[in-house]
């Protein structure tokens, strides 16, 4: 498995994209919560960087 990374202020952030809605449904409750948390943190970092 390989990931693309985005560089912001000399730090690398993984560019994670889930394209298939069925895969999101298969995550379960805590997987969805984690995904939501990661998206909120990445937005916060992008806004503050």
N, C-alpha and C. Protein backbone atom coordinates (compact mmCIF):
# COMPACT_ATOMS: atom_id res chain seq x y z
N UNK A 1 0.85 -1.17 0.00
CA UNK A 1 0.00 0.00 0.00
C UNK A 1 0.90 1.23 0.00
N UNK A 2 0.64 2.14 -0.91
CA UNK A 2 1.41 3.37 -0.96
C UNK A 2 0.47 4.56 -0.84
N UNK A 3 0.99 5.63 -0.30
CA UNK A 3 0.21 6.84 -0.11
C UNK A 3 0.93 8.01 -0.77
N UNK A 4 0.16 8.96 -1.23
CA UNK A 4 0.71 10.23 -1.67
C UNK A 4 0.73 11.14 -0.45
N UNK A 5 1.70 12.02 -0.41
CA UNK A 5 1.82 12.92 0.73
C UNK A 5 1.79 14.37 0.26
N UNK A 6 1.25 15.22 1.12
CA UNK A 6 1.20 16.66 0.87
C UNK A 6 2.18 17.31 1.84
N UNK A 7 3.04 18.17 1.34
CA UNK A 7 4.01 18.83 2.21
C UNK A 7 3.49 20.21 2.58
N UNK A 8 3.42 20.47 3.87
CA UNK A 8 3.01 21.77 4.40
C UNK A 8 3.97 22.14 5.52
N UNK A 9 4.64 23.27 5.37
CA UNK A 9 5.59 23.75 6.39
C UNK A 9 6.60 22.68 6.77
N UNK A 10 7.16 22.03 5.76
CA UNK A 10 8.20 21.02 5.91
C UNK A 10 7.73 19.75 6.63
N UNK A 11 6.42 19.54 6.72
CA UNK A 11 5.86 18.32 7.28
C UNK A 11 5.07 17.60 6.20
N UNK A 12 5.10 16.28 6.21
CA UNK A 12 4.37 15.50 5.23
C UNK A 12 3.10 14.95 5.86
N UNK A 13 1.96 15.17 5.18
CA UNK A 13 0.67 14.67 5.62
C UNK A 13 0.15 13.70 4.57
N UNK A 14 -0.35 12.53 4.99
CA UNK A 14 -0.86 11.59 3.98
C UNK A 14 -2.14 12.12 3.33
N UNK A 15 -2.23 11.93 2.04
CA UNK A 15 -3.41 12.34 1.29
C UNK A 15 -4.31 11.11 1.17
N UNK A 16 -5.21 10.94 2.12
CA UNK A 16 -6.07 9.76 2.19
C UNK A 16 -7.44 10.10 1.63
N UNK A 17 -7.87 9.35 0.63
CA UNK A 17 -9.16 9.56 -0.02
C UNK A 17 -9.87 8.22 -0.13
N UNK A 18 -11.11 8.16 0.32
CA UNK A 18 -11.93 6.97 0.15
C UNK A 18 -12.95 7.29 -0.93
N UNK A 19 -12.84 6.61 -2.06
CA UNK A 19 -13.70 6.93 -3.19
C UNK A 19 -15.01 6.13 -3.22
N UNK A 20 -15.04 5.00 -2.56
CA UNK A 20 -16.19 4.12 -2.64
C UNK A 20 -17.04 4.26 -1.38
N UNK A 21 -18.30 4.68 -1.53
CA UNK A 21 -19.18 4.89 -0.38
C UNK A 21 -19.45 3.58 0.37
N UNK A 22 -19.44 2.45 -0.32
CA UNK A 22 -19.66 1.16 0.35
C UNK A 22 -18.54 0.85 1.34
N UNK A 23 -17.34 1.28 1.02
CA UNK A 23 -16.22 1.04 1.93
C UNK A 23 -16.36 1.86 3.20
N UNK A 24 -16.93 3.05 3.09
CA UNK A 24 -17.17 3.89 4.26
C UNK A 24 -18.21 3.22 5.16
N UNK A 25 -19.26 2.66 4.56
CA UNK A 25 -20.29 1.98 5.34
C UNK A 25 -19.71 0.76 6.07
N UNK A 26 -18.70 0.13 5.51
CA UNK A 26 -18.11 -1.06 6.11
C UNK A 26 -17.19 -0.71 7.28
N UNK A 27 -16.91 0.56 7.50
CA UNK A 27 -16.01 0.95 8.58
C UNK A 27 -16.61 0.70 9.96
N UNK A 28 -17.89 0.82 10.09
CA UNK A 28 -18.52 0.67 11.39
C UNK A 28 -18.55 1.99 12.14
N UNK A 29 -19.10 1.95 13.33
CA UNK A 29 -19.30 3.17 14.12
C UNK A 29 -17.98 3.87 14.45
N UNK A 30 -17.03 3.13 15.02
CA UNK A 30 -15.79 3.75 15.48
C UNK A 30 -14.87 4.09 14.32
N UNK A 31 -14.94 3.35 13.24
CA UNK A 31 -14.18 3.69 12.05
C UNK A 31 -14.64 5.00 11.45
N UNK A 32 -15.96 5.20 11.43
CA UNK A 32 -16.51 6.45 10.91
C UNK A 32 -16.14 7.62 11.82
N UNK A 33 -16.17 7.39 13.13
CA UNK A 33 -15.77 8.45 14.06
C UNK A 33 -14.30 8.83 13.86
N UNK A 34 -13.45 7.84 13.66
CA UNK A 34 -12.03 8.09 13.42
C UNK A 34 -11.83 8.85 12.11
N UNK A 35 -12.54 8.46 11.08
CA UNK A 35 -12.45 9.14 9.79
C UNK A 35 -12.88 10.61 9.92
N UNK A 36 -13.96 10.83 10.64
CA UNK A 36 -14.44 12.19 10.85
C UNK A 36 -13.41 13.01 11.63
N UNK A 37 -12.80 12.40 12.64
CA UNK A 37 -11.77 13.07 13.43
C UNK A 37 -10.57 13.43 12.56
N UNK A 38 -10.11 12.49 11.73
CA UNK A 38 -8.96 12.75 10.87
C UNK A 38 -9.26 13.89 9.89
N UNK A 39 -10.46 13.92 9.34
CA UNK A 39 -10.83 15.00 8.42
C UNK A 39 -10.86 16.33 9.14
N UNK A 40 -11.39 16.38 10.35
CA UNK A 40 -11.46 17.65 11.08
C UNK A 40 -10.07 18.13 11.45
N UNK A 41 -9.17 17.22 11.82
CA UNK A 41 -7.81 17.60 12.18
C UNK A 41 -7.03 18.07 10.96
N UNK A 42 -7.22 17.42 9.83
CA UNK A 42 -6.48 17.84 8.64
C UNK A 42 -6.96 19.21 8.19
N UNK A 43 -8.25 19.47 8.28
CA UNK A 43 -8.77 20.80 7.93
C UNK A 43 -8.20 21.86 8.87
N UNK A 44 -8.16 21.54 10.14
CA UNK A 44 -7.66 22.47 11.13
C UNK A 44 -6.19 22.76 10.88
N UNK A 45 -5.42 21.73 10.55
CA UNK A 45 -4.00 21.92 10.29
C UNK A 45 -3.79 22.74 9.02
N UNK A 46 -4.56 22.44 7.99
CA UNK A 46 -4.42 23.18 6.72
C UNK A 46 -4.78 24.64 6.92
N UNK A 47 -5.80 24.91 7.73
CA UNK A 47 -6.20 26.29 7.98
C UNK A 47 -5.16 27.03 8.80
N UNK A 48 -4.50 26.34 9.73
CA UNK A 48 -3.53 26.99 10.62
C UNK A 48 -2.12 27.01 10.05
N UNK A 49 -1.83 26.19 9.08
CA UNK A 49 -0.45 26.13 8.53
C UNK A 49 -0.19 27.24 7.54
